[in-house]
Amino acid sequence: MSELKNTNRRRIARATRTRARIKATDTRPVLQVFRSNKYIYAQIVDVTGKVLAFATDIKATGKQPRVETAKQVGAELAKKATANKVTDVSFDRHGYKYHGRVKAVADAAREGGLNF
C-alpha cells in the first residue's frame, strides 16, 4: 500500500513542477490529460478555467485495446476544439509518462489539427 502512495506522490510532484511552467494564455489554452486505470479523459481549458472541449472513453462501445480508445479520445477532442476555433494549445500530461495512452491522445490530437 505504501508503494502505491509513494508512486502517486511522485506523480503529483512531477505534475506540480510541470504545471509551474505550463501556463494558459489568452491565445493558447491548455490540453489536460487524466489517466485512470480504466479510462482516459482529456479537456482543453482556457485562462479563466472554462472548459472549451472535453472527451472521454467512458461510453466507448466494444472491446478494444486501451491505446486504440485513447486515439479515439484524442481525435474526438481535436474535432471539438477545431469546432470551437482552438488550434494552438499547451500540453499538460499531469505527471504521467509520455508513453502509451497519453502519447496516443497527443498524437491523435495533433493529427486532428491541434498544434503543441
PDB file of N, CA and C in Angstrom:
ATOM      1  N   MET A   1       0.820  -1.199   0.000  1.00  0.00           N
ATOM      2  CA  MET A   1       0.000   0.000   0.000  1.00  0.00           C
ATOM      3  C   MET A   1       0.861   1.259   0.000  1.00  0.00           C
ATOM      4  N   SER A   2       1.958   1.233   0.762  1.00  0.00           N
ATOM      5  CA  SER A   2       2.786   2.429   0.818  1.00  0.00           C
ATOM      6  C   SER A   2       3.491   2.685  -0.511  1.00  0.00           C
ATOM      7  N   GLU A   3       3.777   1.615  -1.277  1.00  0.00           N
ATOM      8  CA  GLU A   3       4.399   1.796  -2.587  1.00  0.00           C
ATOM      9  C   GLU A   3       3.466   2.553  -3.525  1.00  0.00           C
ATOM     10  N   LEU A   4       2.174   2.253  -3.461  1.00  0.00           N
ATOM     11  CA  LEU A   4       1.191   2.952  -4.276  1.00  0.00           C
ATOM     12  C   LEU A   4       1.109   4.422  -3.881  1.00  0.00           C
ATOM     13  N   LYS A   5       1.132   4.694  -2.589  1.00  0.00           N
ATOM     14  CA  LYS A   5       1.096   6.079  -2.126  1.00  0.00           C
ATOM     15  C   LYS A   5       2.331   6.840  -2.605  1.00  0.00           C
ATOM     16  N   ASN A   6       3.491   6.193  -2.538  1.00  0.00           N
ATOM     17  CA  ASN A   6       4.717   6.858  -2.986  1.00  0.00           C
ATOM     18  C   ASN A   6       4.686   7.126  -4.482  1.00  0.00           C
ATOM     19  N   THR A   7       4.161   6.184  -5.258  1.00  0.00           N
ATOM     20  CA  THR A   7       4.077   6.363  -6.702  1.00  0.00           C
ATOM     21  C   THR A   7       3.193   7.553  -7.038  1.00  0.00           C
ATOM     22  N   ASN A   8       2.042   7.620  -6.400  1.00  0.00           N
ATOM     23  CA  ASN A   8       1.125   8.731  -6.656  1.00  0.00           C
ATOM     24  C   ASN A   8       1.719  10.054  -6.176  1.00  0.00           C
ATOM     25  N   ARG A   9       2.416  10.032  -5.056  1.00  0.00           N
ATOM     26  CA  ARG A   9       3.044  11.244  -4.534  1.00  0.00           C
ATOM     27  C   ARG A   9       4.102  11.775  -5.504  1.00  0.00           C
ATOM     28  N   ARG A  10       4.880  10.859  -6.086  1.00  0.00           N
ATOM     29  CA  ARG A  10       5.898  11.270  -7.055  1.00  0.00           C
ATOM     30  C   ARG A  10       5.251  11.838  -8.316  1.00  0.00           C
ATOM     31  N   ARG A  11       4.150  11.223  -8.773  1.00  0.00           N
ATOM     32  CA  ARG A  11       3.456  11.723  -9.955  1.00  0.00           C
ATOM     33  C   ARG A  11       2.914  13.113  -9.698  1.00  0.00           C
ATOM     34  N   ILE A  12       2.347  13.342  -8.526  1.00  0.00           N
ATOM     35  CA  ILE A  12       1.807  14.662  -8.191  1.00  0.00           C
ATOM     36  C   ILE A  12       2.931  15.695  -8.131  1.00  0.00           C
ATOM     37  N   ALA A  13       4.090  15.314  -7.615  1.00  0.00           N
ATOM     38  CA  ALA A  13       5.230  16.238  -7.578  1.00  0.00           C
ATOM     39  C   ALA A  13       5.680  16.592  -8.993  1.00  0.00           C
ATOM     40  N   ARG A  14       5.735  15.598  -9.889  1.00  0.00           N
ATOM     41  CA  ARG A  14       6.099  15.870 -11.287  1.00  0.00           C
ATOM     42  C   ARG A  14       5.073  16.784 -11.937  1.00  0.00           C
ATOM     43  N   ALA A  15       3.806  16.536 -11.655  1.00  0.00           N
ATOM     44  CA  ALA A  15       2.743  17.360 -12.240  1.00  0.00           C
ATOM     45  C   ALA A  15       2.842  18.794 -11.755  1.00  0.00           C
ATOM     46  N   THR A  16       3.157  18.992 -10.489  1.00  0.00           N
ATOM     47  CA  THR A  16       3.279  20.343  -9.940  1.00  0.00           C
ATOM     48  C   THR A  16       4.441  21.093 -10.580  1.00  0.00           C
ATOM     49  N   ARG A  17       5.565  20.411 -10.746  1.00  0.00           N
ATOM     50  CA  ARG A  17       6.713  21.048 -11.396  1.00  0.00           C
ATOM     51  C   ARG A  17       6.388  21.422 -12.834  1.00  0.00           C
ATOM     52  N   THR A  18       5.729  20.526 -13.534  1.00  0.00           N
ATOM     53  CA  THR A  18       5.388  20.784 -14.930  1.00  0.00           C
ATOM     54  C   THR A  18       4.386  21.916 -15.035  1.00  0.00           C
ATOM     55  N   ARG A  19       3.394  21.913 -14.166  1.00  0.00           N
ATOM     56  CA  ARG A  19       2.344  22.918 -14.234  1.00  0.00           C
ATOM     57  C   ARG A  19       2.871  24.317 -13.922  1.00  0.00           C
ATOM     58  N   ALA A  20       3.987  24.411 -13.212  1.00  0.00           N
ATOM     59  CA  ALA A  20       4.577  25.714 -12.931  1.00  0.00           C
ATOM     60  C   ALA A  20       5.097  26.349 -14.219  1.00  0.00           C
ATOM     61  N   ARG A  21       5.482  25.516 -15.194  1.00  0.00           N
ATOM     62  CA  ARG A  21       5.998  26.030 -16.457  1.00  0.00           C
ATOM     63  C   ARG A  21       4.932  26.161 -17.531  1.00  0.00           C
ATOM     64  N   ILE A  22       3.893  25.353 -17.445  1.00  0.00           N
ATOM     65  CA  ILE A  22       2.834  25.376 -18.455  1.00  0.00           C
ATOM     66  C   ILE A  22       1.736  26.305 -17.973  1.00  0.00           C
ATOM     67  N   LYS A  23       1.547  27.381 -18.671  1.00  0.00           N
ATOM     68  CA  LYS A  23       0.520  28.347 -18.297  1.00  0.00           C
ATOM     69  C   LYS A  23      -0.389  28.589 -19.499  1.00  0.00           C
ATOM     70  N   ALA A  24      -1.664  28.720 -19.216  1.00  0.00           N
ATOM     71  CA  ALA A  24      -2.605  29.069 -20.273  1.00  0.00           C
ATOM     72  C   ALA A  24      -2.508  30.563 -20.534  1.00  0.00           C
ATOM     73  N   THR A  25      -2.609  30.949 -21.788  1.00  0.00           N
ATOM     74  CA  THR A  25      -2.645  32.353 -22.149  1.00  0.00           C
ATOM     75  C   THR A  25      -3.952  32.610 -22.886  1.00  0.00           C
ATOM     76  N   ASP A  26      -4.171  33.860 -23.241  1.00  0.00           N
ATOM     77  CA  ASP A  26      -5.404  34.189 -23.949  1.00  0.00           C
ATOM     78  C   ASP A  26      -5.481  33.493 -25.309  1.00  0.00           C
ATOM     79  N   THR A  27      -4.341  33.310 -25.938  1.00  0.00           N
ATOM     80  CA  THR A  27      -4.334  32.709 -27.267  1.00  0.00           C
ATOM     81  C   THR A  27      -3.996  31.224 -27.243  1.00  0.00           C
ATOM     82  N   ARG A  28      -3.561  30.700 -26.099  1.00  0.00           N
ATOM     83  CA  ARG A  28      -3.104  29.311 -26.031  1.00  0.00           C
ATOM     84  C   ARG A  28      -3.644  28.622 -24.778  1.00  0.00           C
ATOM     85  N   PRO A  29      -4.803  27.950 -24.869  1.00  0.00           N
ATOM     86  CA  PRO A  29      -5.319  27.213 -23.707  1.00  0.00           C
ATOM     87  C   PRO A  29      -4.510  25.936 -23.465  1.00  0.00           C
ATOM     88  N   VAL A  30      -4.847  25.211 -22.412  1.00  0.00           N
ATOM     89  CA  VAL A  30      -4.095  24.027 -22.009  1.00  0.00           C
ATOM     90  C   VAL A  30      -4.912  22.762 -22.287  1.00  0.00           C
ATOM     91  N   LEU A  31      -4.276  21.787 -22.922  1.00  0.00           N
ATOM     92  CA  LEU A  31      -4.876  20.471 -23.100  1.00  0.00           C
ATOM     93  C   LEU A  31      -4.410  19.612 -21.932  1.00  0.00           C
ATOM     94  N   GLN A  32      -5.332  19.208 -21.070  1.00  0.00           N
ATOM     95  CA  GLN A  32      -5.003  18.421 -19.889  1.00  0.00           C
ATOM     96  C   GLN A  32      -5.458  16.988 -20.090  1.00  0.00           C
ATOM     97  N   VAL A  33      -4.609  16.048 -19.703  1.00  0.00           N
ATOM     98  CA  VAL A  33      -4.920  14.629 -19.830  1.00  0.00           C
ATOM     99  C   VAL A  33      -4.913  14.011 -18.443  1.00  0.00           C
ATOM    100  N   PHE A  34      -5.960  13.232 -18.133  1.00  0.00           N
ATOM    101  CA  PHE A  34      -6.007  12.458 -16.892  1.00  0.00           C
ATOM    102  C   PHE A  34      -6.208  11.006 -17.259  1.00  0.00           C
ATOM    103  N   ARG A  35      -5.410  10.158 -16.662  1.00  0.00           N
ATOM    104  CA  ARG A  35      -5.442   8.729 -16.980  1.00  0.00           C
ATOM    105  C   ARG A  35      -5.747   7.951 -15.715  1.00  0.00           C
ATOM    106  N   SER A  36      -6.847   7.214 -15.718  1.00  0.00           N
ATOM    107  CA  SER A  36      -7.128   6.305 -14.615  1.00  0.00           C
ATOM    108  C   SER A  36      -6.806   4.897 -15.083  1.00  0.00           C
ATOM    109  N   ASN A  37      -7.025   3.918 -14.223  1.00  0.00           N
ATOM    110  CA  ASN A  37      -6.729   2.549 -14.627  1.00  0.00           C
ATOM    111  C   ASN A  37      -7.680   2.054 -15.718  1.00  0.00           C
ATOM    112  N   LYS A  38      -8.914   2.556 -15.735  1.00  0.00           N
ATOM    113  CA  LYS A  38      -9.900   2.087 -16.704  1.00  0.00           C
ATOM    114  C   LYS A  38     -10.110   3.047 -17.863  1.00  0.00           C
ATOM    115  N   TYR A  39     -10.079   4.339 -17.607  1.00  0.00           N
ATOM    116  CA  TYR A  39     -10.484   5.321 -18.605  1.00  0.00           C
ATOM    117  C   TYR A  39      -9.410   6.375 -18.800  1.00  0.00           C
ATOM    118  N   ILE A  40      -9.618   7.198 -19.835  1.00  0.00           N
ATOM    119  CA  ILE A  40      -8.749   8.345 -20.070  1.00  0.00           C
ATOM    120  C   ILE A  40      -9.635   9.539 -20.403  1.00  0.00           C
ATOM    121  N   TYR A  41      -9.283  10.677 -19.854  1.00  0.00           N
ATOM    122  CA  TYR A  41     -10.043  11.905 -20.030  1.00  0.00           C
ATOM    123  C   TYR A  41      -9.110  12.968 -20.591  1.00  0.00           C
ATOM    124  N   ALA A  42      -9.628  13.813 -21.460  1.00  0.00           N
ATOM    125  CA  ALA A  42      -8.841  14.922 -21.990  1.00  0.00           C
ATOM    126  C   ALA A  42      -9.758  16.128 -22.106  1.00  0.00           C
ATOM    127  N   GLN A  43      -9.224  17.286 -21.738  1.00  0.00           N
ATOM    128  CA  GLN A  43     -10.010  18.513 -21.835  1.00  0.00           C
ATOM    129  C   GLN A  43      -9.110  19.678 -22.182  1.00  0.00           C
ATOM    130  N   ILE A  44      -9.699  20.690 -22.784  1.00  0.00           N
ATOM    131  CA  ILE A  44      -8.984  21.921 -23.107  1.00  0.00           C
ATOM    132  C   ILE A  44      -9.585  23.018 -22.259  1.00  0.00           C
ATOM    133  N   VAL A  45      -8.730  23.687 -21.465  1.00  0.00           N
ATOM    134  CA  VAL A  45      -9.171  24.683 -20.504  1.00  0.00           C
ATOM    135  C   VAL A  45      -8.493  26.006 -20.821  1.00  0.00           C
ATOM    136  N   ASP A  46      -9.266  27.116 -20.783  1.00  0.00           N
ATOM    137  CA  ASP A  46      -8.672  28.423 -21.050  1.00  0.00           C
ATOM    138  C   ASP A  46      -8.196  29.072 -19.753  1.00  0.00           C
ATOM    139  N   VAL A  47      -7.776  30.329 -19.827  1.00  0.00           N
ATOM    140  CA  VAL A  47      -7.181  31.041 -18.691  1.00  0.00           C
ATOM    141  C   VAL A  47      -8.151  31.151 -17.514  1.00  0.00           C
ATOM    142  N   THR A  48      -9.418  31.370 -17.803  1.00  0.00           N
ATOM    143  CA  THR A  48     -10.400  31.574 -16.736  1.00  0.00           C
ATOM    144  C   THR A  48     -10.863  30.268 -16.112  1.00  0.00           C
ATOM    145  N   GLY A  49     -10.456  29.132 -16.659  1.00  0.00           N
ATOM    146  CA  GLY A  49     -10.866  27.842 -16.129  1.00  0.00           C
ATOM    147  C   GLY A  49     -12.061  27.256 -16.849  1.00  0.00           C
ATOM    148  N   LYS A  50     -12.503  27.914 -17.898  1.00  0.00           N
ATOM    149  CA  LYS A  50     -13.639  27.426 -18.676  1.00  0.00           C
ATOM    150  C   LYS A  50     -13.186  26.277 -19.574  1.00  0.00           C
ATOM    151  N   VAL A  51     -13.962  25.189 -19.580  1.00  0.00           N
ATOM    152  CA  VAL A  51     -13.648  24.035 -20.406  1.00  0.00           C
ATOM    153  C   VAL A  51     -14.162  24.295 -21.816  1.00  0.00           C
ATOM    154  N   LEU A  52     -13.253  24.320 -22.782  1.00  0.00           N
ATOM    155  CA  LEU A  52     -13.614  24.583 -24.170  1.00  0.00           C
ATOM    156  C   LEU A  52     -13.986  23.312 -24.933  1.00  0.00           C
ATOM    157  N   ALA A  53     -13.356  22.194 -24.591  1.00  0.00           N
ATOM    158  CA  ALA A  53     -13.647  20.919 -25.241  1.00  0.00           C
ATOM    159  C   ALA A  53     -13.317  19.802 -24.262  1.00  0.00           C
ATOM    160  N   PHE A  54     -14.074  18.707 -24.329  1.00  0.00           N
ATOM    161  CA  PHE A  54     -13.900  17.598 -23.406  1.00  0.00           C
ATOM    162  C   PHE A  54     -14.161  16.294 -24.139  1.00  0.00           C
ATOM    163  N   ALA A  55     -13.347  15.281 -23.864  1.00  0.00           N
ATOM    164  CA  ALA A  55     -13.554  13.960 -24.463  1.00  0.00           C
ATOM    165  C   ALA A  55     -13.116  12.885 -23.471  1.00  0.00           C
ATOM    166  N   THR A  56     -13.835  11.771 -23.486  1.00  0.00           N
ATOM    167  CA  THR A  56     -13.514  10.644 -22.619  1.00  0.00           C
ATOM    168  C   THR A  56     -13.900   9.354 -23.317  1.00  0.00           C
ATOM    169  N   ASP A  57     -13.434   8.243 -22.774  1.00  0.00           N
ATOM    170  CA  ASP A  57     -13.769   6.954 -23.366  1.00  0.00           C
ATOM    171  C   ASP A  57     -14.714   6.148 -22.481  1.00  0.00           C
ATOM    172  N   ILE A  58     -15.412   6.805 -21.582  1.00  0.00           N
ATOM    173  CA  ILE A  58     -16.310   6.093 -20.681  1.00  0.00           C
ATOM    174  C   ILE A  58     -17.419   5.376 -21.450  1.00  0.00           C
ATOM    175  N   LYS A  59     -17.955   6.025 -22.458  1.00  0.00           N
ATOM    176  CA  LYS A  59     -19.059   5.442 -23.206  1.00  0.00           C
ATOM    177  C   LYS A  59     -18.598   4.735 -24.478  1.00  0.00           C
ATOM    178  N   ALA A  60     -17.340   4.356 -24.527  1.00  0.00           N
ATOM    179  CA  ALA A  60     -16.817   3.656 -25.700  1.00  0.00           C
ATOM    180  C   ALA A  60     -17.466   2.280 -25.807  1.00  0.00           C
ATOM    181  N   THR A  61     -17.863   1.929 -26.993  1.00  0.00           N
ATOM    182  CA  THR A  61     -18.516   0.646 -27.202  1.00  0.00           C
ATOM    183  C   THR A  61     -17.531  -0.357 -27.760  1.00  0.00           C
ATOM    184  N   GLY A  62     -17.757  -1.596 -27.439  1.00  0.00           N
ATOM    185  CA  GLY A  62     -16.903  -2.660 -27.959  1.00  0.00           C
ATOM    186  C   GLY A  62     -15.671  -2.874 -27.110  1.00  0.00           C
ATOM    187  N   LYS A  63     -15.041  -3.994 -27.333  1.00  0.00           N
ATOM    188  CA  LYS A  63     -13.843  -4.359 -26.590  1.00  0.00           C
ATOM    189  C   LYS A  63     -12.642  -4.063 -27.459  1.00  0.00           C
ATOM    190  N   GLN A  64     -11.937  -2.973 -27.151  1.00  0.00           N
ATOM    191  CA  GLN A  64     -10.762  -2.564 -27.912  1.00  0.00           C
ATOM    192  C   GLN A  64      -9.590  -2.409 -26.963  1.00  0.00           C
ATOM    193  N   PRO A  65      -8.380  -2.427 -27.496  1.00  0.00           N
ATOM    194  CA  PRO A  65      -7.230  -2.090 -26.651  1.00  0.00           C
ATOM    195  C   PRO A  65      -7.351  -0.645 -26.157  1.00  0.00           C
ATOM    196  N   ARG A  66      -6.845  -0.391 -24.970  1.00  0.00           N
ATOM    197  CA  ARG A  66      -6.989   0.943 -24.373  1.00  0.00           C
ATOM    198  C   ARG A  66      -6.260   2.013 -25.167  1.00  0.00           C
ATOM    199  N   VAL A  67      -5.181   1.644 -25.862  1.00  0.00           N
ATOM    200  CA  VAL A  67      -4.465   2.628 -26.673  1.00  0.00           C
ATOM    201  C   VAL A  67      -5.327   3.061 -27.858  1.00  0.00           C
ATOM    202  N   GLU A  68      -6.076   2.132 -28.414  1.00  0.00           N
ATOM    203  CA  GLU A  68      -6.960   2.478 -29.529  1.00  0.00           C
ATOM    204  C   GLU A  68      -8.074   3.418 -29.088  1.00  0.00           C
ATOM    205  N   THR A  69      -8.642   3.174 -27.909  1.00  0.00           N
ATOM    206  CA  THR A  69      -9.690   4.081 -27.428  1.00  0.00           C
ATOM    207  C   THR A  69      -9.097   5.442 -27.082  1.00  0.00           C
ATOM    208  N   ALA A  70      -7.845   5.466 -26.627  1.00  0.00           N
ATOM    209  CA  ALA A  70      -7.191   6.745 -26.347  1.00  0.00           C
ATOM    210  C   ALA A  70      -6.997   7.547 -27.632  1.00  0.00           C
ATOM    211  N   LYS A  71      -6.703   6.859 -28.733  1.00  0.00           N
ATOM    212  CA  LYS A  71      -6.594   7.546 -30.023  1.00  0.00           C
ATOM    213  C   LYS A  71      -7.931   8.157 -30.423  1.00  0.00           C
ATOM    214  N   GLN A  72      -9.006   7.433 -30.161  1.00  0.00           N
ATOM    215  CA  GLN A  72     -10.338   7.955 -30.476  1.00  0.00           C
ATOM    216  C   GLN A  72     -10.654   9.185 -29.628  1.00  0.00           C
ATOM    217  N   VAL A  73     -10.233   9.167 -28.360  1.00  0.00           N
ATOM    218  CA  VAL A  73     -10.451  10.323 -27.482  1.00  0.00           C
ATOM    219  C   VAL A  73      -9.701  11.536 -28.011  1.00  0.00           C
ATOM    220  N   GLY A  74      -8.455  11.354 -28.432  1.00  0.00           N
ATOM    221  CA  GLY A  74      -7.673  12.459 -28.981  1.00  0.00           C
ATOM    222  C   GLY A  74      -8.277  13.024 -30.249  1.00  0.00           C
ATOM    223  N   ALA A  75      -8.764  12.146 -31.119  1.00  0.00           N
ATOM    224  CA  ALA A  75      -9.377  12.604 -32.366  1.00  0.00           C
ATOM    225  C   ALA A  75     -10.685  13.348 -32.093  1.00  0.00           C
ATOM    226  N   GLU A  76     -11.475  12.838 -31.156  1.00  0.00           N
ATOM    227  CA  GLU A  76     -12.740  13.500 -30.802  1.00  0.00           C
ATOM    228  C   GLU A  76     -12.482  14.873 -30.180  1.00  0.00           C
ATOM    229  N   LEU A  77     -11.472  14.950 -29.328  1.00  0.00           N
ATOM    230  CA  LEU A  77     -11.124  16.223 -28.697  1.00  0.00           C
ATOM    231  C   LEU A  77     -10.670  17.237 -29.746  1.00  0.00           C
ATOM    232  N   ALA A  78      -9.853  16.810 -30.675  1.00  0.00           N
ATOM    233  CA  ALA A  78      -9.381  17.712 -31.729  1.00  0.00           C
ATOM    234  C   ALA A  78     -10.543  18.215 -32.573  1.00  0.00           C
ATOM    235  N   LYS A  79     -11.494  17.336 -32.862  1.00  0.00           N
ATOM    236  CA  LYS A  79     -12.658  17.733 -33.648  1.00  0.00           C
ATOM    237  C   LYS A  79     -13.492  18.781 -32.912  1.00  0.00           C
ATOM    238  N   LYS A  80     -13.701  18.575 -31.616  1.00  0.00           N
ATOM    239  CA  LYS A  80     -14.468  19.543 -30.822  1.00  0.00           C
ATOM    240  C   LYS A  80     -13.713  20.866 -30.681  1.00  0.00           C
ATOM    241  N   ALA A  81     -12.392  20.787 -30.540  1.00  0.00           N
ATOM    242  CA  ALA A  81     -11.590  22.004 -30.377  1.00  0.00           C
ATOM    243  C   ALA A  81     -11.589  22.840 -31.647  1.00  0.00           C
ATOM    244  N   THR A  82     -11.439  22.194 -32.789  1.00  0.00           N
ATOM    245  CA  THR A  82     -11.442  22.960 -34.029  1.00  0.00           C
ATOM    246  C   THR A  82     -12.822  23.541 -34.314  1.00  0.00           C
ATOM    247  N   ALA A  83     -13.873  22.891 -33.832  1.00  0.00           N
ATOM    248  CA  ALA A  83     -15.213  23.454 -33.966  1.00  0.00           C
ATOM    249  C   ALA A  83     -15.353  24.726 -33.128  1.00  0.00           C
ATOM    250  N   ASN A  84     -14.611  24.803 -32.012  1.00  0.00           N
ATOM    251  CA  ASN A  84     -14.595  25.996 -31.163  1.00  0.00           C
ATOM    252  C   ASN A  84     -13.492  26.971 -31.554  1.00  0.00           C
ATOM    253  N   LYS A  85     -12.865  26.750 -32.709  1.00  0.00           N
ATOM    254  CA  LYS A  85     -11.806  27.613 -33.252  1.00  0.00           C
ATOM    255  C   LYS A  85     -10.561  27.655 -32.362  1.00  0.00           C
ATOM    256  N   VAL A  86     -10.215  26.516 -31.765  1.00  0.00           N
ATOM    257  CA  VAL A  86      -8.992  26.394 -30.972  1.00  0.00           C
ATOM    258  C   VAL A  86      -8.033  25.509 -31.758  1.00  0.00           C
ATOM    259  N   THR A  87      -6.844  26.041 -32.062  1.00  0.00           N
ATOM    260  CA  THR A  87      -5.865  25.240 -32.795  1.00  0.00           C
ATOM    261  C   THR A  87      -4.546  25.122 -32.043  1.00  0.00           C
ATOM    262  N   ASP A  88      -4.127  26.155 -31.325  1.00  0.00           N
ATOM    263  CA  ASP A  88      -2.869  26.122 -30.584  1.00  0.00           C
ATOM    264  C   ASP A  88      -3.152  25.880 -29.116  1.00  0.00           C
ATOM    265  N   VAL A  89      -2.519  24.852 -28.545  1.00  0.00           N
ATOM    266  CA  VAL A  89      -2.702  24.521 -27.133  1.00  0.00           C
ATOM    267  C   VAL A  89      -1.350  24.181 -26.509  1.00  0.00           C
ATOM    268  N   SER A  90      -1.302  24.226 -25.182  1.00  0.00           N
ATOM    269  CA  SER A  90      -0.170  23.713 -24.428  1.00  0.00           C
ATOM    270  C   SER A  90      -0.575  22.348 -23.887  1.00  0.00           C
ATOM    271  N   PHE A  91       0.347  21.402 -23.859  1.00  0.00           N
ATOM    272  CA  PHE A  91       0.027  20.035 -23.452  1.00  0.00           C
ATOM    273  C   PHE A  91       0.450  19.805 -22.016  1.00  0.00           C
ATOM    274  N   ASP A  92      -0.487  19.412 -21.164  1.00  0.00           N
ATOM    275  CA  ASP A  92      -0.219  19.101 -19.756  1.00  0.00           C
ATOM    276  C   ASP A  92      -0.559  17.634 -19.534  1.00  0.00           C
ATOM    277  N   ARG A  93       0.446  16.820 -19.267  1.00  0.00           N
ATOM    278  CA  ARG A  93       0.226  15.386 -19.119  1.00  0.00           C
ATOM    279  C   ARG A  93       0.020  14.979 -17.661  1.00  0.00           C
ATOM    280  N   HIS A  94      -0.044  15.926 -16.748  1.00  0.00           N
ATOM    281  CA  HIS A  94      -0.307  15.690 -15.316  1.00  0.00           C
ATOM    282  C   HIS A  94       0.682  14.728 -14.663  1.00  0.00           C
ATOM    283  N   GLY A  95       1.920  14.773 -15.081  1.00  0.00           N
ATOM    284  CA  GLY A  95       2.944  13.965 -14.439  1.00  0.00           C
ATOM    285  C   GLY A  95       3.037  12.543 -14.958  1.00  0.00           C
ATOM    286  N   TYR A  96       2.170  12.153 -15.883  1.00  0.00           N
ATOM    287  CA  TYR A  96       2.249  10.813 -16.453  1.00  0.00           C
ATOM    288  C   TYR A  96       3.364  10.773 -17.485  1.00  0.00           C
ATOM    289  N   LYS A  97       3.938   9.604 -17.691  1.00  0.00           N
ATOM    290  CA  LYS A  97       4.960   9.451 -18.714  1.00  0.00           C
ATOM    291  C   LYS A  97       4.335   9.662 -20.087  1.00  0.00           C
ATOM    292  N   TYR A  98       5.089  10.254 -20.981  1.00  0.00           N
ATOM    293  CA  TYR A  98       4.625  10.455 -22.353  1.00  0.00           C
ATOM    294  C   TYR A  98       4.821   9.139 -23.091  1.00  0.00           C
ATOM    295  N   HIS A  99       3.894   8.216 -22.861  1.00  0.00           N
ATOM    296  CA  HIS A  99       4.027   6.855 -23.349  1.00  0.00           C
ATOM    297  C   HIS A  99       2.651   6.212 -23.325  1.00  0.00           C
ATOM    298  N   GLY A 100       2.399   5.313 -24.237  1.00  0.00           N
ATOM    299  CA  GLY A 100       1.159   4.553 -24.210  1.00  0.00           C
ATOM    300  C   GLY A 100      -0.065   5.386 -24.504  1.00  0.00           C
ATOM    301  N   ARG A 101      -1.028   5.371 -23.562  1.00  0.00           N
ATOM    302  CA  ARG A 101      -2.302   6.048 -23.787  1.00  0.00           C
ATOM    303  C   ARG A 101      -2.166   7.560 -23.849  1.00  0.00           C
ATOM    304  N   VAL A 102      -1.269   8.137 -23.055  1.00  0.00           N
ATOM    305  CA  VAL A 102      -1.077   9.586 -23.070  1.00  0.00           C
ATOM    306  C   VAL A 102      -0.500  10.017 -24.417  1.00  0.00           C
ATOM    307  N   LYS A 103       0.459   9.259 -24.915  1.00  0.00           N
ATOM    308  CA  LYS A 103       1.042   9.560 -26.223  1.00  0.00           C
ATOM    309  C   LYS A 103       0.018   9.369 -27.335  1.00  0.00           C
ATOM    310  N   ALA A 104      -0.845   8.372 -27.212  1.00  0.00           N
ATOM    311  CA  ALA A 104      -1.866   8.123 -28.227  1.00  0.00           C
ATOM    312  C   ALA A 104      -2.844   9.282 -28.315  1.00  0.00           C
ATOM    313  N   VAL A 105      -3.234   9.847 -27.170  1.00  0.00           N
ATOM    314  CA  VAL A 105      -4.123  11.012 -27.166  1.00  0.00           C
ATOM    315  C   VAL A 105      -3.431  12.190 -27.840  1.00  0.00           C
ATOM    316  N   ALA A 106      -2.178  12.420 -27.489  1.00  0.00           N
ATOM    317  CA  ALA A 106      -1.437  13.555 -28.056  1.00  0.00           C
ATOM    318  C   ALA A 106      -1.257  13.411 -29.563  1.00  0.00           C
ATOM    319  N   ASP A 107      -0.885  12.234 -30.018  1.00  0.00           N
ATOM    320  CA  ASP A 107      -0.677  12.016 -31.458  1.00  0.00           C
ATOM    321  C   ASP A 107      -1.974  12.185 -32.239  1.00  0.00           C
ATOM    322  N   ALA A 108      -3.067  11.639 -31.715  1.00  0.00           N
ATOM    323  CA  ALA A 108      -4.357  11.770 -32.402  1.00  0.00           C
ATOM    324  C   ALA A 108      -4.832  13.217 -32.418  1.00  0.00           C
ATOM    325  N   ALA A 109      -4.562  13.957 -31.342  1.00  0.00           N
ATOM    326  CA  ALA A 109      -4.951  15.375 -31.313  1.00  0.00           C
ATOM    327  C   ALA A 109      -4.137  16.174 -32.333  1.00  0.00           C
ATOM    328  N   ARG A 110      -2.866  15.845 -32.478  1.00  0.00           N
ATOM    329  CA  ARG A 110      -2.032  16.509 -33.488  1.00  0.00           C
ATOM    330  C   ARG A 110      -2.534  16.200 -34.889  1.00  0.00           C
ATOM    331  N   GLU A 111      -2.872  14.949 -35.131  1.00  0.00           N
ATOM    332  CA  GLU A 111      -3.385  14.557 -36.441  1.00  0.00           C
ATOM    333  C   GLU A 111      -4.718  15.245 -36.734  1.00  0.00           C
ATOM    334  N   GLY A 112      -5.480  15.526 -35.672  1.00  0.00           N
ATOM    335  CA  GLY A 112      -6.778  16.187 -35.831  1.00  0.00           C
ATOM    336  C   GLY A 112      -6.681  17.685 -36.054  1.00  0.00           C
ATOM    337  N   GLY A 113      -5.480  18.249 -35.939  1.00  0.00           N
ATOM    338  CA  GLY A 113      -5.312  19.661 -36.258  1.00  0.00           C
ATOM    339  C   GLY A 113      -4.871  20.540 -35.110  1.00  0.00           C
ATOM    340  N   LEU A 114      -4.603  19.983 -33.926  1.00  0.00           N
ATOM    341  CA  LEU A 114      -4.117  20.804 -32.812  1.00  0.00           C
ATOM    342  C   LEU A 114      -2.603  20.937 -32.897  1.00  0.00           C
ATOM    343  N   ASN A 115      -2.089  22.103 -32.533  1.00  0.00           N
ATOM    344  CA  ASN A 115      -0.655  22.368 -32.542  1.00  0.00           C
ATOM    345  C   ASN A 115      -0.155  22.524 -31.117  1.00  0.00           C
ATOM    346  N   PHE A 116       0.835  21.697 -30.740  1.00  0.00           N
ATOM    347  CA  PHE A 116       1.527  21.840 -29.446  1.00  0.00           C
ATOM    348  C   PHE A 116       2.855  21.158 -29.518  1.00  0.00           C
TER     349      PHE A 116
END
